[in-house]
Amino acid sequence: MSKIFRPFIKLFKLLYRIIDKLLVTPISRLIYKIGELSKENSGRFEKILNRPNVLIYLSLICSIGLFVLVDSKVINLTENNAEILRNQKINVLYNEEAYVIEGVPESVDITLIGSKSSIYLATQLGNHEVELDLAKYGVGTYKVDFKYNHSATNVDYKLYPPTVTVKISEKVSQKRNLTYDLLNEERLDSKLSISSVTLDTSEVVIKSSQEILDKVAVVKALVDASQINLKETGEITLESIPLVAYDSVGNKLENVEIVPSKVSAKIAIDSYHATKPVRVITSGTMTNGKAIGSAISSIKEVEVYGDKEVVDKLNYIEAPISINNLDSNKTFAVTLNKPSGVRYLSETSSQVSVTVGEARQRTITDVSILYVNLGEDLTPGASPEDRKIDIIVTGVESVINNEDIIKGITATVDLSALKSGTHQVPVKVTTQSELITAQPVKTEITVTITNKKV
């Protein structure tokens, strides 16, 4: 209670000092000077002033007069101050079952204006409830004032914004299919993966205005994998999973009621993995006249963990090295590339030993050209000289004479997006070994594409 009365005590002390300084002392001096100037009446003044209650009565009269002036705000003894109460919540009054309200801000700011003591009492004891009363409004667009309910006195206020334009629409409902999104999947144990998610419902009801419901493209349950605390394979049920409605470009729609608002999900945790070979991948250009004789990784194969469809598509794990300007034997410390979708590799690094020798060339003749990415209703054709091609292979002698390596050379032409007619198409040569380079003697061939006969 002492804290409540402390501002009043300070106010009375301030009034006492002001009255003493501005009234009692100046009046006493004035009367003294008048008495000095009026010698002939000095006896009479002295008798009046010598009476014990005269100054008290004069001070009381002046105090009452000053009080009247201050109370009527003719005189301000203190300066006005202002304090801003930010982000005050709004209580919207309307029929939630029948209508949808758009355009109401999340909060307003309240500026309190008055003396420091009045503002202090207002902030400590006042009820700062901001209302937007729409109970009497029906479907339509309206400009409505906010109402500030407070119990503070001697304080002025301003709201920002003071008014708002709201749109009131009839609430309608629709049924929609429910899907899910996995969040924070990277926080799972690196050897684990989510093999399946089963929601306890596949359909929900969404409620809002027809205009907003027309924007809803999908409703999703946000399954947070960080809440899964399993350290081994198994099954877990997550409760109270929130639901969100999105538009066609992925923006979250706020003014949509979803029934139910939360669901549960049964999640199966797997630890799928497979053994994959390590393949050395080179980049750059060696010193002229040099070629790789061998590139051997100290790690031959690794266990790869991840989603089954991702792991099964992998043919190997890359061990990348740069051979730019390489002209002698060298051992590389290599970090194995972890492909996208792979969660864990049993080995993450390797030592790659590279031997270098003198480069030799060999011409591989009559390599058949393969057509790829041709439309199903089309047929390719080429002259005899464009059906096969010669390829120049560069590498150390022992490598370019290895028939197993030579068999891995293929020549292809990409016919994607081509229609019937005659086309000049570039030839692409690929190898299955990093120890050789291969270039076609002819870089383009002529291909004639015709429609299949029905």
Foldseek 3Di string as FASTA:
>chain_A
DCVLCVVVVVVVVVLVVCLVVPPLVVVVVVLVVVLVVCVVCVVVSCVQVPPPCNSVVRSVVVSVVVVVCVVVVVDPPADKDKDKDPFAAEAEDADPQWKFKPWDDRGKMKMKIAGPSLVVCQVVPKDFYKYWYCHPPDAAKDKTAIDTHIDGPRIDMDMVVGIIIMGMATKDKDKDFEEADEAPQLLADLQKHWQDKAWPDGMKMKMHHPVVVVQFDHKYFYHYPNPDPDPAWDKDKDWFTAMFTAGPVGDTDDRMDIVPRGTMMMITMHRDKDKAFEAEDEDADEDPQKFWPDKDKPGGIKIWTFHPVVRVPDRHWYFYDYRHHPDAKDKDWTFIDDDPGTRDIRDGIIIITIGMDGKDKDKDWFAAEAEPQDDPQKDKDFDPVQRGFIKMKMAPPVQVPPVVFVVQKHKYWYCHPPDAAKDKTFIDIDTPHPRMDMDTPDGIGIMGMDGHDD
